[in-house]
């Protein structure tokens, strides 16, 4: 039975996606077909298997998870989501040092949802991704962590401060000192803003390259397993990803000291 249920879920994308859809509530065949992009006959064949395995049931024209289906899906869904994140960009995740991510967040890596990997060309290595710059122009809230120095970032920091965006910025000590000593005007704009809060953390802690969370976007960057920063970044627009990023950011804010 154990093997049968695992096979039922994982050996068919249509069955897996049908089960995940039904976690949100009952649905008709037409609704299932629209959601997972299949023909009626193909969907019905998979629905029949799910009914035989006791994972879903039919009531009138709708299908819903049985209690057994609910129990299994609550356990399996995080695994499915994690597999979707990792398998979608397997080469990237295999090359990353994820030691900076607390274990509870690693367990929820599937919360990142649909992600894109930003890999700039040589002419734009030191520029933030266009998606982030667009989001920064519109957002009212920003949380950012940087453990490397980005030459264009002080100007972005200062612009957010002048607009009185609710802004929390964490920098490692060397990055903070360079901002303070070499970008005085931008530093002063941050320090004079009522809504900007600057924090400094020890450079020797295990850390990611960067974290940025806006009202509609999460950006992450990690060092590779050799300890180098190769400018590749993860971007997600999922609400669950932004919540995950907020928790990641707060982990480092708790390790940092506010500059006053």
C-alpha atoms as a PDB file:
ATOM      1  CA  UNK A   1       0.000   0.000   0.000  1.00  0.00           C
ATOM      2  CA  UNK A   2       2.819   2.414   0.831  1.00  0.00           C
ATOM      3  CA  UNK A   3       4.387   1.891  -2.567  1.00  0.00           C
ATOM      4  CA  UNK A   4       1.010   2.153  -4.318  1.00  0.00           C
ATOM      5  CA  UNK A   5       0.165   5.505  -2.723  1.00  0.00           C
ATOM      6  CA  UNK A   6       3.603   6.966  -3.469  1.00  0.00           C
ATOM      7  CA  UNK A   7       3.315   5.793  -7.060  1.00  0.00           C
ATOM      8  CA  UNK A   8      -0.200   7.191  -7.278  1.00  0.00           C
ATOM      9  CA  UNK A   9       1.043  10.662  -6.381  1.00  0.00           C
ATOM     10  CA  UNK A  10       4.434  10.844  -8.056  1.00  0.00           C
ATOM     11  CA  UNK A  11       4.215   8.739 -11.223  1.00  0.00           C
ATOM     12  CA  UNK A  12       1.746  11.050 -12.939  1.00  0.00           C
ATOM     13  CA  UNK A  13       2.002  14.828 -13.212  1.00  0.00           C
ATOM     14  CA  UNK A  14      -1.750  15.003 -13.854  1.00  0.00           C
ATOM     15  CA  UNK A  15      -2.569  13.047 -10.693  1.00  0.00           C
ATOM     16  CA  UNK A  16      -0.127  15.079  -8.634  1.00  0.00           C
ATOM     17  CA  UNK A  17      -1.448  18.393  -9.933  1.00  0.00           C
ATOM     18  CA  UNK A  18      -5.056  17.291  -9.492  1.00  0.00           C
ATOM     19  CA  UNK A  19      -4.413  16.454  -5.852  1.00  0.00           C
ATOM     20  CA  UNK A  20      -2.667  19.761  -5.208  1.00  0.00           C
ATOM     21  CA  UNK A  21      -5.538  21.644  -6.843  1.00  0.00           C
ATOM     22  CA  UNK A  22      -8.108  19.826  -4.712  1.00  0.00           C
ATOM     23  CA  UNK A  23      -6.290  20.947  -1.572  1.00  0.00           C
ATOM     24  CA  UNK A  24      -7.931  24.323  -2.263  1.00  0.00           C
ATOM     25  CA  UNK A  25     -11.415  22.797  -2.298  1.00  0.00           C
ATOM     26  CA  UNK A  26     -13.782  20.696  -4.425  1.00  0.00           C
ATOM     27  CA  UNK A  27     -13.715  21.089  -8.205  1.00  0.00           C
ATOM     28  CA  UNK A  28     -15.537  19.806 -11.266  1.00  0.00           C
ATOM     29  CA  UNK A  29     -13.855  17.952 -14.106  1.00  0.00           C
ATOM     30  CA  UNK A  30     -13.997  21.078 -16.262  1.00  0.00           C
ATOM     31  CA  UNK A  31     -12.281  23.112 -13.525  1.00  0.00           C
ATOM     32  CA  UNK A  32      -9.607  20.447 -13.069  1.00  0.00           C
ATOM     33  CA  UNK A  33      -9.103  20.249 -16.842  1.00  0.00           C
ATOM     34  CA  UNK A  34      -8.675  24.019 -17.100  1.00  0.00           C
ATOM     35  CA  UNK A  35      -6.276  24.145 -14.157  1.00  0.00           C
ATOM     36  CA  UNK A  36      -3.909  21.378 -15.207  1.00  0.00           C
ATOM     37  CA  UNK A  37      -4.322  21.692 -18.986  1.00  0.00           C
ATOM     38  CA  UNK A  38      -5.498  18.219 -19.977  1.00  0.00           C
ATOM     39  CA  UNK A  39      -8.264  16.625 -22.001  1.00  0.00           C
ATOM     40  CA  UNK A  40     -11.418  15.352 -20.311  1.00  0.00           C
ATOM     41  CA  UNK A  41     -10.607  11.711 -21.107  1.00  0.00           C
ATOM     42  CA  UNK A  42      -7.027  12.038 -19.802  1.00  0.00           C
ATOM     43  CA  UNK A  43      -8.201  13.703 -16.591  1.00  0.00           C
ATOM     44  CA  UNK A  44     -10.974  11.170 -16.029  1.00  0.00           C
ATOM     45  CA  UNK A  45      -8.488   8.294 -16.331  1.00  0.00           C
ATOM     46  CA  UNK A  46      -6.357   9.778 -13.537  1.00  0.00           C
ATOM     47  CA  UNK A  47      -9.372  10.703 -11.408  1.00  0.00           C
ATOM     48  CA  UNK A  48     -10.523   7.072 -11.585  1.00  0.00           C
ATOM     49  CA  UNK A  49      -7.156   5.915 -10.210  1.00  0.00           C
ATOM     50  CA  UNK A  50      -7.279   8.486  -7.397  1.00  0.00           C
ATOM     51  CA  UNK A  51     -10.777   7.311  -6.442  1.00  0.00           C
ATOM     52  CA  UNK A  52      -9.681   3.657  -6.473  1.00  0.00           C
ATOM     53  CA  UNK A  53      -6.770   4.508  -4.174  1.00  0.00           C
ATOM     54  CA  UNK A  54      -9.137   6.267  -1.758  1.00  0.00           C
ATOM     55  CA  UNK A  55      -7.529   9.686  -2.154  1.00  0.00           C
ATOM     56  CA  UNK A  56     -10.468  11.536  -3.678  1.00  0.00           C
ATOM     57  CA  UNK A  57     -14.223  11.066  -3.813  1.00  0.00           C
ATOM     58  CA  UNK A  58     -17.079  12.337  -5.955  1.00  0.00           C
ATOM     59  CA  UNK A  59     -20.102  14.203  -4.641  1.00  0.00           C
ATOM     60  CA  UNK A  60     -22.585  15.286  -7.300  1.00  0.00           C
ATOM     61  CA  UNK A  61     -20.492  16.912 -10.060  1.00  0.00           C
ATOM     62  CA  UNK A  62     -17.515  17.734  -7.854  1.00  0.00           C
ATOM     63  CA  UNK A  63     -14.449  15.865  -6.705  1.00  0.00           C
ATOM     64  CA  UNK A  64     -12.775  16.410  -3.338  1.00  0.00           C
ATOM     65  CA  UNK A  65     -10.009  14.964  -1.220  1.00  0.00           C
ATOM     66  CA  UNK A  66     -10.985  12.226   1.188  1.00  0.00           C
ATOM     67  CA  UNK A  67      -9.688  12.395   4.742  1.00  0.00           C
ATOM     68  CA  UNK A  68      -6.914  10.034   3.696  1.00  0.00           C
ATOM     69  CA  UNK A  69      -6.107  12.298   0.749  1.00  0.00           C
ATOM     70  CA  UNK A  70      -5.972  15.347   3.024  1.00  0.00           C
ATOM     71  CA  UNK A  71      -3.618  13.621   5.463  1.00  0.00           C
ATOM     72  CA  UNK A  72      -1.254  12.456   2.733  1.00  0.00           C
ATOM     73  CA  UNK A  73      -1.254  15.744   0.793  1.00  0.00           C
ATOM     74  CA  UNK A  74      -0.487  17.840   3.867  1.00  0.00           C
ATOM     75  CA  UNK A  75       2.675  15.772   4.282  1.00  0.00           C
ATOM     76  CA  UNK A  76       3.585  15.433   0.627  1.00  0.00           C
ATOM     77  CA  UNK A  77       2.876  18.986  -0.581  1.00  0.00           C
ATOM     78  CA  UNK A  78       6.044  20.518   0.967  1.00  0.00           C
ATOM     79  CA  UNK A  79       8.117  17.794  -0.715  1.00  0.00           C
ATOM     80  CA  UNK A  80       6.453  18.409  -4.078  1.00  0.00           C
ATOM     81  CA  UNK A  81       7.026  22.157  -3.768  1.00  0.00           C
ATOM     82  CA  UNK A  82      10.678  21.647  -2.787  1.00  0.00           C
ATOM     83  CA  UNK A  83      11.223  19.323  -5.743  1.00  0.00           C
ATOM     84  CA  UNK A  84       9.641  21.859  -8.094  1.00  0.00           C
ATOM     85  CA  UNK A  85      11.999  24.601  -6.874  1.00  0.00           C
ATOM     86  CA  UNK A  86      15.142  22.473  -6.996  1.00  0.00           C
ATOM     87  CA  UNK A  87      14.475  20.495 -10.168  1.00  0.00           C
ATOM     88  CA  UNK A  88      13.490  23.639 -12.048  1.00  0.00           C
ATOM     89  CA  UNK A  89      17.029  25.039 -11.639  1.00  0.00           C
ATOM     90  CA  UNK A  90      19.014  21.996 -10.527  1.00  0.00           C
ATOM     91  CA  UNK A  91      22.414  23.206 -11.751  1.00  0.00           C
ATOM     92  CA  UNK A  92      22.068  26.453  -9.829  1.00  0.00           C
ATOM     93  CA  UNK A  93      21.062  24.892  -6.506  1.00  0.00           C
ATOM     94  CA  UNK A  94      23.708  22.163  -6.760  1.00  0.00           C
ATOM     95  CA  UNK A  95      26.408  24.833  -7.021  1.00  0.00           C
ATOM     96  CA  UNK A  96      25.227  26.994  -4.085  1.00  0.00           C
ATOM     97  CA  UNK A  97      26.465  27.087  -0.512  1.00  0.00           C
ATOM     98  CA  UNK A  98      23.201  27.131   1.422  1.00  0.00           C
ATOM     99  CA  UNK A  99      24.848  27.003   4.847  1.00  0.00           C
ATOM    100  CA  UNK A 100      23.553  30.521   5.546  1.00  0.00           C
ATOM    101  CA  UNK A 101      19.935  29.352   5.485  1.00  0.00           C
ATOM    102  CA  UNK A 102      18.543  28.237   8.881  1.00  0.00           C
ATOM    103  CA  UNK A 103      17.326  24.630   8.887  1.00  0.00           C
ATOM    104  CA  UNK A 104      13.613  25.504   9.356  1.00  0.00           C
ATOM    105  CA  UNK A 105      13.753  27.655   6.232  1.00  0.00           C
ATOM    106  CA  UNK A 106      15.645  25.003   4.276  1.00  0.00           C
ATOM    107  CA  UNK A 107      12.788  22.653   5.137  1.00  0.00           C
ATOM    108  CA  UNK A 108      10.449  25.176   3.498  1.00  0.00           C
ATOM    109  CA  UNK A 109      12.520  25.901   0.391  1.00  0.00           C
ATOM    110  CA  UNK A 110       9.438  25.027  -1.641  1.00  0.00           C
ATOM    111  CA  UNK A 111       7.874  28.300  -0.449  1.00  0.00           C
ATOM    112  CA  UNK A 112      10.033  30.062  -3.050  1.00  0.00           C
ATOM    113  CA  UNK A 113       7.601  28.795  -5.684  1.00  0.00           C
ATOM    114  CA  UNK A 114       8.240  29.742  -9.299  1.00  0.00           C
ATOM    115  CA  UNK A 115      11.691  31.310  -9.457  1.00  0.00           C
ATOM    116  CA  UNK A 116      13.841  32.739 -12.197  1.00  0.00           C
ATOM    117  CA  UNK A 117      17.629  32.746 -12.131  1.00  0.00           C
ATOM    118  CA  UNK A 118      19.099  36.099 -13.089  1.00  0.00           C
ATOM    119  CA  UNK A 119      22.551  35.801 -14.655  1.00  0.00           C
ATOM    120  CA  UNK A 120      23.810  39.189 -15.927  1.00  0.00           C
ATOM    121  CA  UNK A 121      26.098  39.577 -18.912  1.00  0.00           C
ATOM    122  CA  UNK A 122      29.565  41.076 -18.541  1.00  0.00           C
ATOM    123  CA  UNK A 123      28.307  44.591 -19.226  1.00  0.00           C
ATOM    124  CA  UNK A 124      25.871  44.510 -16.286  1.00  0.00           C
ATOM    125  CA  UNK A 125      27.675  42.452 -13.649  1.00  0.00           C
ATOM    126  CA  UNK A 126      27.513  45.115 -10.956  1.00  0.00           C
ATOM    127  CA  UNK A 127      24.008  46.359 -11.625  1.00  0.00           C
ATOM    128  CA  UNK A 128      20.932  45.118  -9.746  1.00  0.00           C
ATOM    129  CA  UNK A 129      18.461  43.155 -11.894  1.00  0.00           C
ATOM    130  CA  UNK A 130      15.915  45.199 -13.812  1.00  0.00           C
ATOM    131  CA  UNK A 131      13.099  43.432 -11.929  1.00  0.00           C
ATOM    132  CA  UNK A 132      14.454  44.699  -8.616  1.00  0.00           C
ATOM    133  CA  UNK A 133      14.994  48.255  -9.858  1.00  0.00           C
ATOM    134  CA  UNK A 134      11.434  48.381 -11.196  1.00  0.00           C
ATOM    135  CA  UNK A 135      10.052  47.096  -7.916  1.00  0.00           C
ATOM    136  CA  UNK A 136      12.068  49.610  -5.864  1.00  0.00           C
ATOM    137  CA  UNK A 137      10.434  52.479  -7.739  1.00  0.00           C
ATOM    138  CA  UNK A 138       6.974  51.329  -6.663  1.00  0.00           C
ATOM    139  CA  UNK A 139       7.373  49.713  -3.268  1.00  0.00           C
ATOM    140  CA  UNK A 140       6.575  51.231   0.113  1.00  0.00           C
ATOM    141  CA  UNK A 141       8.556  48.685   2.122  1.00  0.00           C
ATOM    142  CA  UNK A 142      12.046  47.258   1.592  1.00  0.00           C
ATOM    143  CA  UNK A 143      14.246  44.922   3.592  1.00  0.00           C
ATOM    144  CA  UNK A 144      17.773  44.427   2.262  1.00  0.00           C
ATOM    145  CA  UNK A 145      20.862  42.528   3.370  1.00  0.00           C
ATOM    146  CA  UNK A 146      24.187  42.825   1.536  1.00  0.00           C
ATOM    147  CA  UNK A 147      27.449  41.092   2.360  1.00  0.00           C
ATOM    148  CA  UNK A 148      29.266  42.435  -0.704  1.00  0.00           C
ATOM    149  CA  UNK A 149      29.624  45.953  -2.043  1.00  0.00           C
ATOM    150  CA  UNK A 150      27.503  46.917  -5.033  1.00  0.00           C
ATOM    151  CA  UNK A 151      28.732  50.242  -6.526  1.00  0.00           C
ATOM    152  CA  UNK A 152      25.260  51.378  -7.612  1.00  0.00           C
ATOM    153  CA  UNK A 153      23.505  50.392  -4.391  1.00  0.00           C
ATOM    154  CA  UNK A 154      24.365  53.466  -2.240  1.00  0.00           C
ATOM    155  CA  UNK A 155      22.436  55.619  -4.711  1.00  0.00           C
ATOM    156  CA  UNK A 156      19.470  53.237  -4.527  1.00  0.00           C
ATOM    157  CA  UNK A 157      19.664  53.262  -0.712  1.00  0.00           C
ATOM    158  CA  UNK A 158      19.681  57.061  -0.655  1.00  0.00           C
ATOM    159  CA  UNK A 159      16.784  57.325  -3.096  1.00  0.00           C
ATOM    160  CA  UNK A 160      14.660  55.074  -0.897  1.00  0.00           C
ATOM    161  CA  UNK A 161      15.601  57.134   2.152  1.00  0.00           C
ATOM    162  CA  UNK A 162      14.672  60.415   0.466  1.00  0.00           C
ATOM    163  CA  UNK A 163      11.300  58.988  -0.538  1.00  0.00           C
ATOM    164  CA  UNK A 164      10.768  57.957   3.107  1.00  0.00           C
ATOM    165  CA  UNK A 165      10.181  54.352   2.127  1.00  0.00           C
ATOM    166  CA  UNK A 166       9.996  52.052   5.151  1.00  0.00           C
ATOM    167  CA  UNK A 167      13.504  50.683   4.728  1.00  0.00           C
ATOM    168  CA  UNK A 168      15.551  48.231   6.775  1.00  0.00           C
ATOM    169  CA  UNK A 169      19.127  47.702   5.598  1.00  0.00           C
ATOM    170  CA  UNK A 170      21.671  45.242   7.000  1.00  0.00           C
ATOM    171  CA  UNK A 171      25.297  45.406   5.891  1.00  0.00           C
ATOM    172  CA  UNK A 172      28.362  43.498   6.956  1.00  0.00           C
ATOM    173  CA  UNK A 173      30.907  45.692   8.718  1.00  0.00           C
ATOM    174  CA  UNK A 174      33.307  46.152   5.729  1.00  0.00           C
ATOM    175  CA  UNK A 175      30.422  47.078   3.424  1.00  0.00           C
ATOM    176  CA  UNK A 176      29.031  49.475   6.020  1.00  0.00           C
ATOM    177  CA  UNK A 177      32.414  51.169   6.496  1.00  0.00           C
ATOM    178  CA  UNK A 178      32.822  51.688   2.770  1.00  0.00           C
ATOM    179  CA  UNK A 179      29.336  53.178   2.511  1.00  0.00           C
ATOM    180  CA  UNK A 180      30.034  55.494   5.456  1.00  0.00           C
ATOM    181  CA  UNK A 181      33.526  56.574   4.342  1.00  0.00           C
ATOM    182  CA  UNK A 182      33.211  56.755   0.546  1.00  0.00           C
ATOM    183  CA  UNK A 183      29.543  57.647   0.003  1.00  0.00           C
ATOM    184  CA  UNK A 184      28.998  60.306   2.657  1.00  0.00           C
ATOM    185  CA  UNK A 185      26.065  62.013   0.963  1.00  0.00           C
ATOM    186  CA  UNK A 186      24.172  58.770   0.506  1.00  0.00           C
ATOM    187  CA  UNK A 187      25.032  57.592   3.999  1.00  0.00           C
ATOM    188  CA  UNK A 188      23.749  60.833   5.516  1.00  0.00           C
ATOM    189  CA  UNK A 189      20.504  60.541   3.554  1.00  0.00           C
ATOM    190  CA  UNK A 190      19.913  57.135   5.113  1.00  0.00           C
ATOM    191  CA  UNK A 191      20.776  58.264   8.621  1.00  0.00           C
ATOM    192  CA  UNK A 192      18.570  61.377   8.376  1.00  0.00           C
ATOM    193  CA  UNK A 193      15.508  59.490   7.148  1.00  0.00           C
ATOM    194  CA  UNK A 194      12.781  58.828   9.707  1.00  0.00           C
ATOM    195  CA  UNK A 195      11.856  55.542   8.045  1.00  0.00           C
ATOM    196  CA  UNK A 196      15.299  54.108   7.289  1.00  0.00           C
ATOM    197  CA  UNK A 197      16.969  51.754   9.744  1.00  0.00           C
ATOM    198  CA  UNK A 198      20.569  50.683   9.241  1.00  0.00           C
ATOM    199  CA  UNK A 199      22.097  47.614  10.893  1.00  0.00           C
ATOM    200  CA  UNK A 200      25.624  46.180  10.890  1.00  0.00           C
ATOM    201  CA  UNK A 201      26.534  42.533  11.374  1.00  0.00           C
ATOM    202  CA  UNK A 202      29.804  40.686  11.812  1.00  0.00           C
ATOM    203  CA  UNK A 203      31.418  39.787   8.492  1.00  0.00           C
ATOM    204  CA  UNK A 204      32.549  36.410   9.863  1.00  0.00           C
ATOM    205  CA  UNK A 205      29.087  34.928  10.324  1.00  0.00           C
ATOM    206  CA  UNK A 206      27.849  32.448   7.750  1.00  0.00           C
ATOM    207  CA  UNK A 207      25.867  34.641   5.385  1.00  0.00           C
ATOM    208  CA  UNK A 208      24.262  34.811   1.940  1.00  0.00           C
ATOM    209  CA  UNK A 209      25.347  37.259  -0.723  1.00  0.00           C
ATOM    210  CA  UNK A 210      22.175  39.309  -0.594  1.00  0.00           C
ATOM    211  CA  UNK A 211      18.518  39.377   0.413  1.00  0.00           C
ATOM    212  CA  UNK A 212      16.024  41.944  -0.861  1.00  0.00           C
ATOM    213  CA  UNK A 213      12.307  41.944  -0.148  1.00  0.00           C
ATOM    214  CA  UNK A 214       9.922  44.534  -1.575  1.00  0.00           C
ATOM    215  CA  UNK A 215       6.130  44.652  -1.680  1.00  0.00           C
ATOM    216  CA  UNK A 216       6.061  42.273  -4.651  1.00  0.00           C
ATOM    217  CA  UNK A 217       9.458  40.607  -5.003  1.00  0.00           C
ATOM    218  CA  UNK A 218      12.088  38.498  -3.291  1.00  0.00           C
ATOM    219  CA  UNK A 219      15.688  38.508  -4.496  1.00  0.00           C
ATOM    220  CA  UNK A 220      18.333  36.155  -3.114  1.00  0.00           C
ATOM    221  CA  UNK A 221      21.949  35.535  -3.939  1.00  0.00           C
ATOM    222  CA  UNK A 222      24.266  32.915  -2.471  1.00  0.00           C
ATOM    223  CA  UNK A 223      27.981  32.312  -2.736  1.00  0.00           C
ATOM    224  CA  UNK A 224      28.906  29.221  -4.688  1.00  0.00           C
ATOM    225  CA  UNK A 225      30.466  26.208  -2.980  1.00  0.00           C
ATOM    226  CA  UNK A 226      33.952  27.579  -3.629  1.00  0.00           C
ATOM    227  CA  UNK A 227      33.086  30.722  -1.678  1.00  0.00           C
ATOM    228  CA  UNK A 228      32.895  33.002  -4.709  1.00  0.00           C
ATOM    229  CA  UNK A 229      30.114  35.368  -5.685  1.00  0.00           C
ATOM    230  CA  UNK A 230      29.235  34.801  -9.335  1.00  0.00           C
ATOM    231  CA  UNK A 231      26.427  37.400  -9.636  1.00  0.00           C
ATOM    232  CA  UNK A 232      23.671  34.824 -10.158  1.00  0.00           C
ATOM    233  CA  UNK A 233      20.487  35.744  -8.303  1.00  0.00           C
ATOM    234  CA  UNK A 234      17.162  34.096  -7.512  1.00  0.00           C
ATOM    235  CA  UNK A 235      14.005  36.151  -8.065  1.00  0.00           C
ATOM    236  CA  UNK A 236      10.466  35.216  -7.063  1.00  0.00           C
ATOM    237  CA  UNK A 237       7.207  37.143  -7.092  1.00  0.00           C
ATOM    238  CA  UNK A 238       5.315  34.617  -4.936  1.00  0.00           C
ATOM    239  CA  UNK A 239       3.736  35.826  -1.673  1.00  0.00           C
ATOM    240  CA  UNK A 240       5.029  32.692   0.063  1.00  0.00           C
ATOM    241  CA  UNK A 241       8.550  33.499  -1.171  1.00  0.00           C
ATOM    242  CA  UNK A 242       8.382  37.015   0.244  1.00  0.00           C
ATOM    243  CA  UNK A 243       7.254  35.649   3.604  1.00  0.00           C
ATOM    244  CA  UNK A 244      10.132  33.158   3.502  1.00  0.00           C
ATOM    245  CA  UNK A 245      12.498  36.009   2.676  1.00  0.00           C
ATOM    246  CA  UNK A 246      11.189  38.130   5.547  1.00  0.00           C
ATOM    247  CA  UNK A 247      11.971  35.341   7.994  1.00  0.00           C
ATOM    248  CA  UNK A 248      15.422  34.920   6.447  1.00  0.00           C
ATOM    249  CA  UNK A 249      16.050  38.662   6.771  1.00  0.00           C
ATOM    250  CA  UNK A 250      14.879  38.754  10.409  1.00  0.00           C
ATOM    251  CA  UNK A 251      17.319  35.958  11.210  1.00  0.00           C
ATOM    252  CA  UNK A 252      20.161  38.314  10.289  1.00  0.00           C
ATOM    253  CA  UNK A 253      18.595  41.387  11.827  1.00  0.00           C
ATOM    254  CA  UNK A 254      18.617  39.551  15.142  1.00  0.00           C
ATOM    255  CA  UNK A 255      22.375  39.033  14.709  1.00  0.00           C
ATOM    256  CA  UNK A 256      23.040  42.683  13.811  1.00  0.00           C
ATOM    257  CA  UNK A 257      23.400  45.929  15.737  1.00  0.00           C
ATOM    258  CA  UNK A 258      21.477  49.030  14.736  1.00  0.00           C
ATOM    259  CA  UNK A 259      23.440  52.133  13.802  1.00  0.00           C
ATOM    260  CA  UNK A 260      22.113  55.227  15.586  1.00  0.00           C
END
